[in-house]
Amino acid sequence: MVATPEKLHQSTSNASASHDRVAVLLMGYGEVESYEDFANYNEQALNLLTAKFAPVPTWVYPPLAKLLAMFDLHEWSHQHDQFISPHNAIFEQQRAGVEKELQTRWGDRIKVFKAFNFCQPFLPEQVLTQIKQEGFDKILIYPLLVVDSIFTSGIAVEQVNLGLAKLADPATEHWLKGTRYIPSFYDQPDYIDLMASLVEAKIKTDLAVAHLPSQTGIVLMNHGCPHKAKGFTSGIDESQKLYDRVRDRLIYRYPLISVGWLNHQTPLIEWTQPNADLAAKNLIDLGATALVFMPIGFATENHETLLDVDHIIHGLRHKHPEVTYVQMPCVNDHPDFLRMVAEWAHPQIEALLSEQALVVNPALAIAQSQHTHDHDHGHSHGHGSNHGHHHH
């Protein structure tokens, strides 16, 4: 009797059931939804972010976080009636949408989990614990942030590493047998096309009837970056490239385009310029009678894209009431975007499913570092005597 390929497949898949599955870890910032959590959120954010670029000692964080929270309370309660960020709900829609797209190809061999950098109960460590409990031993780390840098996505990897360190049993081989990572999509042509087409469609429906193309200003908003980040690449290059490519798609029809960086105006730090406010003023000076604000450096709505931009437009309206202002949403769970996100993941999932399982023994890392340490000492003594005898 001849075994059909399907039968063979079934018997092998049972043997290696866990190796046949991949956990996709979609990572976002997460946002607190009540003001009470905000000082704590600020402190975590300061620890992860500010520590990488500011000359600030760590004891400053708790009081600084509380101070920032006081400013934010003013902004939240007075201006926005106790604003509740939609970020977490949108991110869940993105997670569900990406899972649905991936499962059309991979079925239940794929499960998409979400982790938030700053929000319980979805901190990376908590989610990794669940992934491990569910028997996954292969992970695709997927920060859903546009600007990739050691800064934004690096925070994601930093937290995954912290979680993995806590979940490893030093006595046995590591439970994780495969890892892949998707950096960013700043250079993906389909994302760039989507950005440009969303802006064009908006101008056609809302502005074209009343404003000439040369009078229609476009502010393409990127995630602000500090210029000096203690040697970490802060994402300026990627953001700049993303902006240049979206601009190239639009500039022949709409000549008034500027990048607008959404900066956290932290003291002591030099941020990317022009900020979105200055970019808008510059375009008005050049004769813009309408302005479109489009976030290209954020995939998910958050308090920056909502409150900060709203705040900027509010101020501009006050000074230039004759100008028309249009605030556009992030891509969020736009079906085309979710399809793309899944497309970018397919090759990595394929690689994880077909790769030989990696066996890592954490105990060896300690042995290795000690071994090389002894080795170095041996060398430095051996060569020490020669150093004095070089004549220049």
Protein backbone atom coordinates (compact mmCIF):
# COMPACT_ATOMS: atom_id res chain seq x y z
CA MET A 1 0.00 0.00 0.00
CA VAL A 2 1.35 3.39 -0.98
CA ALA A 3 1.33 6.10 1.69
CA THR A 4 -0.16 9.33 0.41
CA PRO A 5 1.78 12.53 1.10
CA GLU A 6 -1.06 13.69 3.35
CA LYS A 7 -0.82 10.65 5.60
CA LEU A 8 2.94 11.10 5.83
CA HIS A 9 2.44 14.73 6.68
CA GLN A 10 0.05 13.88 9.49
CA SER A 11 2.38 11.44 11.11
CA THR A 12 5.31 13.85 11.02
CA SER A 13 3.29 16.81 12.20
CA ASN A 14 2.22 14.95 15.34
CA ALA A 15 5.79 14.11 16.19
CA SER A 16 6.90 17.72 16.05
CA ALA A 17 3.66 19.50 16.89
CA SER A 18 5.35 22.35 18.73
CA HIS A 19 7.90 22.96 15.97
CA ASP A 20 5.07 23.37 13.53
CA ARG A 21 3.78 26.53 15.17
CA VAL A 22 4.91 30.11 15.36
CA ALA A 23 3.90 32.78 17.87
CA VAL A 24 3.88 36.21 16.23
CA LEU A 25 4.58 38.85 18.88
CA LEU A 26 3.13 42.14 17.70
CA MET A 27 4.60 44.94 19.79
CA GLY A 28 3.30 48.45 20.41
CA TYR A 29 3.74 51.14 23.02
CA GLY A 30 0.42 50.68 24.71
CA GLU A 31 -1.19 53.64 26.44
CA VAL A 32 -2.64 54.09 29.87
CA GLU A 33 -6.34 54.72 29.79
CA SER A 34 -6.74 56.40 33.14
CA TYR A 35 -4.87 59.41 34.36
CA GLU A 36 -3.98 57.66 37.64
CA ASP A 37 -1.68 55.24 35.81
CA PHE A 38 0.03 58.05 33.99
CA ALA A 39 2.85 58.92 36.39
CA ASN A 40 3.79 55.25 36.53
CA TYR A 41 3.65 55.02 32.72
CA ASN A 42 5.81 58.12 32.46
CA GLU A 43 8.36 56.67 34.81
CA GLN A 44 8.64 53.46 32.79
CA ALA A 45 8.83 55.41 29.54
CA LEU A 46 11.53 57.67 30.99
CA ASN A 47 13.50 54.68 32.17
CA LEU A 48 13.39 53.02 28.76
CA LEU A 49 13.62 56.06 26.51
CA THR A 50 15.25 58.98 28.24
CA ALA A 51 17.99 56.87 29.73
CA LYS A 52 19.25 56.29 26.20
CA PHE A 53 19.81 59.92 25.35
CA ALA A 54 19.63 62.25 28.33
CA PRO A 55 22.32 63.03 30.85
CA VAL A 56 19.83 62.37 33.64
CA PRO A 57 20.63 60.27 36.74
CA THR A 58 18.02 57.60 37.49
CA TRP A 59 16.90 59.09 40.84
CA VAL A 60 15.38 61.94 38.82
CA TYR A 61 12.84 59.68 37.09
CA PRO A 62 10.13 59.29 39.74
CA PRO A 63 9.85 63.05 40.54
CA LEU A 64 10.21 63.95 36.84
CA ALA A 65 7.48 61.46 35.94
CA LYS A 66 5.13 63.06 38.46
CA LEU A 67 5.95 66.52 37.16
CA LEU A 68 5.24 65.48 33.57
CA ALA A 69 2.02 63.85 34.72
CA MET A 70 0.94 67.17 36.24
CA PHE A 71 1.44 68.92 32.92
CA ASP A 72 -0.44 66.13 31.18
CA LEU A 73 -3.32 66.31 33.62
CA HIS A 74 -3.73 69.94 32.70
CA GLU A 75 -3.77 68.99 29.03
CA TRP A 76 -6.03 65.95 29.48
CA SER A 77 -8.68 67.28 31.80
CA HIS A 78 -8.96 70.92 30.76
CA GLN A 79 -8.67 70.53 27.05
CA HIS A 80 -9.93 67.05 26.38
CA ASP A 81 -12.50 66.10 29.02
CA GLN A 82 -10.49 63.23 30.52
CA PHE A 83 -9.22 61.90 27.19
CA ILE A 84 -9.10 58.11 26.89
CA SER A 85 -6.61 56.96 24.31
CA PRO A 86 -8.02 54.68 21.60
CA HIS A 87 -4.53 53.26 21.02
CA ASN A 88 -4.99 49.96 22.87
CA ALA A 89 -8.34 49.21 21.23
CA ILE A 90 -6.94 49.97 17.77
CA PHE A 91 -3.88 47.85 18.45
CA GLU A 92 -6.15 44.94 19.36
CA GLN A 93 -7.98 45.39 16.03
CA GLN A 94 -4.60 45.35 14.29
CA ARG A 95 -3.63 42.17 16.14
CA ALA A 96 -6.89 40.43 15.25
CA GLY A 97 -6.72 41.63 11.64
CA VAL A 98 -3.13 40.50 11.11
CA GLU A 99 -3.92 37.12 12.70
CA LYS A 100 -6.87 36.67 10.35
CA GLU A 101 -4.70 37.51 7.32
CA LEU A 102 -1.91 35.17 8.43
CA GLN A 103 -4.27 32.32 9.22
CA THR A 104 -5.71 32.34 5.71
CA ARG A 105 -2.27 31.05 4.69
CA TRP A 106 -0.98 29.21 7.77
CA GLY A 107 -4.12 28.15 9.62
CA ASP A 108 -3.79 27.64 13.35
CA ARG A 109 -0.06 27.03 13.12
CA ILE A 110 0.11 30.80 13.68
CA LYS A 111 -1.16 32.76 16.63
CA VAL A 112 -0.68 36.51 16.99
CA PHE A 113 -0.04 37.89 20.48
CA LYS A 114 0.21 41.56 21.39
CA ALA A 115 2.66 43.10 23.83
CA PHE A 116 2.76 46.68 25.06
CA ASN A 117 6.02 48.31 26.14
CA PHE A 118 4.39 50.13 29.02
CA CYS A 119 1.03 48.57 29.88
CA GLN A 120 -0.08 45.76 32.14
CA PRO A 121 -1.26 43.06 31.62
CA PHE A 122 0.44 42.92 28.23
CA LEU A 123 4.04 43.66 29.19
CA PRO A 124 6.41 41.54 27.07
CA GLU A 125 7.37 39.38 30.03
CA GLN A 126 3.72 38.59 30.77
CA VAL A 127 2.98 37.73 27.15
CA LEU A 128 6.12 35.61 26.74
CA THR A 129 5.05 33.62 29.80
CA GLN A 130 1.74 32.90 28.06
CA ILE A 131 3.46 32.00 24.77
CA LYS A 132 5.69 29.55 26.62
CA GLN A 133 2.73 28.06 28.50
CA GLU A 134 0.85 27.53 25.24
CA GLY A 135 3.73 25.39 24.01
CA PHE A 136 5.16 27.67 21.32
CA ASP A 137 8.91 27.46 20.88
CA LYS A 138 9.31 29.76 17.86
CA ILE A 139 8.69 33.49 17.95
CA LEU A 140 8.53 36.23 15.35
CA ILE A 141 9.24 39.56 17.08
CA TYR A 142 7.30 42.21 15.17
CA PRO A 143 7.31 45.81 16.46
CA LEU A 144 4.41 47.52 14.72
CA LEU A 145 6.09 50.91 14.65
CA VAL A 146 7.15 52.55 11.44
CA VAL A 147 10.41 54.12 12.40
CA ASP A 148 12.87 51.47 13.17
CA SER A 149 15.86 52.24 15.25
CA ILE A 150 17.65 50.84 18.24
CA PHE A 151 15.32 53.28 19.88
CA THR A 152 11.74 52.28 19.23
CA SER A 153 12.05 48.69 18.10
CA GLY A 154 15.16 48.35 20.23
CA ILE A 155 13.04 48.96 23.29
CA ALA A 156 10.84 46.09 22.14
CA VAL A 157 13.83 43.77 21.79
CA GLU A 158 15.27 45.00 25.10
CA GLN A 159 12.05 44.04 26.88
CA VAL A 160 11.76 40.69 25.08
CA ASN A 161 15.31 39.93 26.19
CA LEU A 162 14.52 40.88 29.79
CA GLY A 163 11.47 38.61 29.70
CA LEU A 164 13.42 35.73 28.14
CA ALA A 165 16.15 36.07 30.77
CA LYS A 166 13.55 35.69 33.53
CA LEU A 167 11.82 32.74 31.85
CA ALA A 168 14.95 30.70 31.13
CA ASP A 169 15.80 27.74 33.31
CA PRO A 170 19.59 27.91 33.53
CA ALA A 171 19.84 24.18 34.17
CA THR A 172 18.22 23.00 30.93
CA GLU A 173 18.32 23.86 27.27
CA HIS A 174 16.37 27.01 26.36
CA TRP A 175 12.67 26.53 25.56
CA LEU A 176 12.96 28.89 22.60
CA LYS A 177 14.04 27.07 19.44
CA GLY A 178 13.70 29.78 16.82
CA THR A 179 13.50 33.56 16.66
CA ARG A 180 13.03 36.01 13.80
CA TYR A 181 12.60 39.77 13.79
CA ILE A 182 10.96 42.26 11.42
CA PRO A 183 12.63 45.63 11.75
CA SER A 184 10.47 48.25 10.10
CA PHE A 185 8.66 49.12 6.92
CA TYR A 186 9.97 52.62 6.24
CA ASP A 187 11.26 51.44 2.86
CA GLN A 188 8.40 49.14 1.80
CA PRO A 189 7.00 50.42 -1.53
CA ASP A 190 3.44 49.32 -0.78
CA TYR A 191 3.41 51.23 2.52
CA ILE A 192 4.83 54.33 0.82
CA ASP A 193 2.19 54.08 -1.93
CA LEU A 194 -0.57 53.70 0.63
CA MET A 195 0.56 56.87 2.46
CA ALA A 196 0.57 58.88 -0.75
CA SER A 197 -2.75 57.54 -2.02
CA LEU A 198 -4.52 58.25 1.30
CA VAL A 199 -3.35 61.88 1.14
CA GLU A 200 -4.39 62.24 -2.51
CA ALA A 201 -7.82 60.75 -1.88
CA LYS A 202 -8.39 63.10 1.06
CA ILE A 203 -7.41 66.16 -0.97
CA LYS A 204 -9.76 65.11 -3.79
CA THR A 205 -12.76 64.65 -1.52
CA ASP A 206 -12.22 67.52 0.93
CA LEU A 207 -10.09 70.26 -0.59
CA ALA A 208 -9.77 70.13 -4.37
CA VAL A 209 -12.97 72.08 -4.95
CA ALA A 210 -11.74 75.14 -3.02
CA HIS A 211 -7.92 75.11 -3.18
CA LEU A 212 -5.43 75.00 -6.02
CA PRO A 213 -2.90 72.16 -5.84
CA SER A 214 -0.08 74.69 -5.35
CA GLN A 215 -1.96 76.14 -2.37
CA THR A 216 -2.58 72.77 -0.73
CA GLY A 217 0.11 72.22 1.90
CA ILE A 218 0.95 68.73 3.18
CA VAL A 219 2.67 68.11 6.52
CA LEU A 220 3.95 64.52 6.67
CA MET A 221 4.45 63.73 10.33
CA ASN A 222 7.25 61.54 11.64
CA HIS A 223 8.03 60.34 15.13
CA GLY A 224 10.42 62.94 16.58
CA CYS A 225 13.96 61.79 17.25
CA PRO A 226 16.71 63.16 19.48
CA HIS A 227 19.91 64.01 17.58
CA LYS A 228 22.31 62.57 20.11
CA ALA A 229 21.37 59.27 21.66
CA LYS A 230 24.51 58.01 23.41
CA GLY A 231 25.54 56.07 20.34
CA PHE A 232 22.12 54.50 19.71
CA THR A 233 20.78 55.10 16.22
CA SER A 234 17.65 57.06 16.92
CA GLY A 235 15.70 56.46 13.72
CA ILE A 236 16.35 59.79 12.00
CA ASP A 237 17.78 58.15 8.87
CA GLU A 238 14.87 55.76 8.41
CA SER A 239 12.29 58.47 9.10
CA GLN A 240 13.96 60.83 6.69
CA LYS A 241 14.01 58.18 3.95
CA LEU A 242 10.34 57.39 4.54
CA TYR A 243 9.46 61.09 4.28
CA ASP A 244 11.54 61.56 1.11
CA ARG A 245 9.83 58.64 -0.62
CA VAL A 246 6.28 59.68 0.27
CA ARG A 247 7.11 63.25 -0.75
CA ASP A 248 8.46 62.03 -4.10
CA ARG A 249 5.09 60.40 -4.81
CA LEU A 250 3.20 63.66 -4.19
CA ILE A 251 5.39 66.64 -4.98
CA TYR A 252 4.78 66.82 -8.73
CA ARG A 253 1.10 67.50 -8.06
CA TYR A 254 1.37 69.23 -4.69
CA PRO A 255 4.51 71.33 -4.42
CA LEU A 256 4.04 72.48 -0.81
CA ILE A 257 5.18 69.55 1.31
CA SER A 258 7.15 69.52 4.54
CA VAL A 259 8.20 66.94 7.06
CA GLY A 260 6.80 67.69 10.53
CA TRP A 261 8.46 65.93 13.46
CA LEU A 262 6.28 65.17 16.47
CA ASN A 263 8.84 65.76 19.21
CA HIS A 264 8.61 65.22 22.96
CA GLN A 265 10.01 68.60 23.88
CA THR A 266 12.25 67.32 26.66
CA PRO A 267 14.68 69.81 28.18
CA LEU A 268 18.43 69.49 27.46
CA ILE A 269 17.82 67.60 24.24
CA GLU A 270 18.13 68.66 20.62
CA TRP A 271 15.23 67.26 18.59
CA THR A 272 14.60 66.83 14.88
CA GLN A 273 13.36 69.98 13.10
CA PRO A 274 11.09 71.40 11.85
CA ASN A 275 8.47 70.25 14.32
CA ALA A 276 4.95 69.89 12.92
CA ASP A 277 3.91 73.35 14.15
CA LEU A 278 6.84 75.13 12.49
CA ALA A 279 6.41 73.06 9.32
CA ALA A 280 2.78 74.24 9.07
CA LYS A 281 3.74 77.90 9.63
CA ASN A 282 6.40 77.64 6.92
CA LEU A 283 3.88 76.27 4.41
CA ILE A 284 1.39 79.02 5.28
CA ASP A 285 4.18 81.56 4.62
CA LEU A 286 4.63 79.96 1.20
CA GLY A 287 0.96 80.54 0.37
CA ALA A 288 -0.84 77.42 1.57
CA THR A 289 -4.58 78.06 2.02
CA ALA A 290 -5.23 74.49 3.16
CA LEU A 291 -3.10 72.11 5.22
CA VAL A 292 -3.29 68.33 5.46
CA PHE A 293 -1.62 66.70 8.47
CA MET A 294 -0.78 63.08 7.72
CA PRO A 295 1.02 60.84 10.23
CA ILE A 296 3.39 58.62 8.25
CA GLY A 297 5.73 57.70 11.11
CA PHE A 298 3.03 56.07 13.25
CA ALA A 299 1.01 52.98 12.38
CA THR A 300 -1.40 53.31 15.32
CA GLU A 301 -3.29 56.29 16.71
CA ASN A 302 -1.94 57.50 20.05
CA HIS A 303 -1.93 60.62 22.18
CA GLU A 304 0.78 62.17 20.01
CA THR A 305 -1.13 61.82 16.76
CA LEU A 306 -4.41 62.82 18.42
CA LEU A 307 -3.79 65.31 21.22
CA ASP A 308 -0.53 66.85 20.06
CA VAL A 309 -1.69 67.38 16.48
CA ASP A 310 -5.08 68.63 17.66
CA HIS A 311 -3.25 71.05 19.95
CA ILE A 312 -1.03 72.29 17.08
CA ILE A 313 -4.03 72.84 14.78
CA HIS A 314 -5.87 74.65 17.58
CA GLY A 315 -2.97 77.10 17.91
CA LEU A 316 -2.66 77.60 14.14
CA ARG A 317 -6.39 78.27 13.75
CA HIS A 318 -6.09 81.01 16.31
CA LYS A 319 -3.34 82.76 14.30
CA HIS A 320 -4.53 81.83 10.77
CA PRO A 321 -8.31 81.39 10.83
CA GLU A 322 -8.48 81.77 7.02
CA VAL A 323 -6.63 78.48 6.43
CA THR A 324 -8.46 75.11 6.20
CA TYR A 325 -6.95 72.35 8.37
CA VAL A 326 -7.42 68.62 7.82
CA GLN A 327 -6.18 66.11 10.39
CA MET A 328 -5.83 62.61 8.97
CA PRO A 329 -5.79 59.35 10.94
CA CYS A 330 -2.94 56.83 11.09
CA VAL A 331 -3.32 53.67 8.97
CA ASN A 332 -4.61 51.82 12.05
CA ASP A 333 -6.60 48.77 10.90
CA HIS A 334 -6.94 49.85 7.25
CA PRO A 335 -7.47 46.53 5.42
CA ASP A 336 -4.70 47.25 2.89
CA PHE A 337 -2.28 47.90 5.73
CA LEU A 338 -3.18 44.71 7.60
CA ARG A 339 -2.67 42.75 4.39
CA MET A 340 0.79 44.29 3.99
CA VAL A 341 1.77 43.56 7.57
CA ALA A 342 0.89 39.90 6.96
CA GLU A 343 2.77 39.88 3.63
CA TRP A 344 5.96 41.12 5.30
CA ALA A 345 5.65 38.35 7.90
CA HIS A 346 5.16 35.38 5.49
CA PRO A 347 8.83 34.87 4.54
CA GLN A 348 9.94 35.00 8.19
CA ILE A 349 7.25 32.53 9.26
CA GLU A 350 8.23 30.25 6.41
CA ALA A 351 11.85 30.43 7.54
CA LEU A 352 10.93 29.64 11.15
CA LEU A 353 8.81 26.65 10.15
CA SER A 354 11.45 25.18 7.87
CA GLU A 355 14.57 25.96 9.93
CA GLN A 356 16.29 23.33 12.00
CA ALA A 357 15.28 23.88 15.63
CA LEU A 358 17.96 25.85 17.41
CA VAL A 359 19.15 24.39 20.70
CA VAL A 360 20.57 26.96 23.09
CA ASN A 361 21.90 26.15 26.51
CA PRO A 362 21.92 29.26 28.75
CA ALA A 363 24.40 27.67 31.19
CA LEU A 364 26.97 27.63 28.39
CA ALA A 365 26.82 31.43 28.10
CA ILE A 366 28.24 31.79 31.59
CA ALA A 367 30.88 29.17 30.95
CA GLN A 368 31.76 30.86 27.65
CA SER A 369 32.17 34.31 29.12
CA GLN A 370 34.36 32.95 31.92
CA HIS A 371 36.45 30.94 29.51
CA THR A 372 37.15 33.90 27.22
CA HIS A 373 37.85 36.04 30.28
CA ASP A 374 40.58 33.66 31.45
CA HIS A 375 41.86 33.54 27.91
CA ASP A 376 42.19 37.32 27.71
CA HIS A 377 44.11 37.45 30.95
CA GLY A 378 46.55 34.85 29.71
CA HIS A 379 47.11 36.89 26.57
CA SER A 380 47.59 40.24 28.19
CA HIS A 381 50.27 38.86 30.49
CA GLY A 382 51.96 37.12 27.59
CA HIS A 383 52.13 40.28 25.50
CA GLY A 384 52.62 42.71 28.35
CA SER A 385 56.40 42.50 28.22
CA ASN A 386 56.51 43.38 24.51
CA HIS A 387 54.53 46.61 24.80
CA GLY A 388 57.40 48.63 26.23
CA HIS A 389 59.79 47.75 23.44
CA HIS A 390 58.12 49.25 20.39
CA HIS A 391 60.32 52.02 19.04
CA HIS A 392 58.62 54.60 16.82
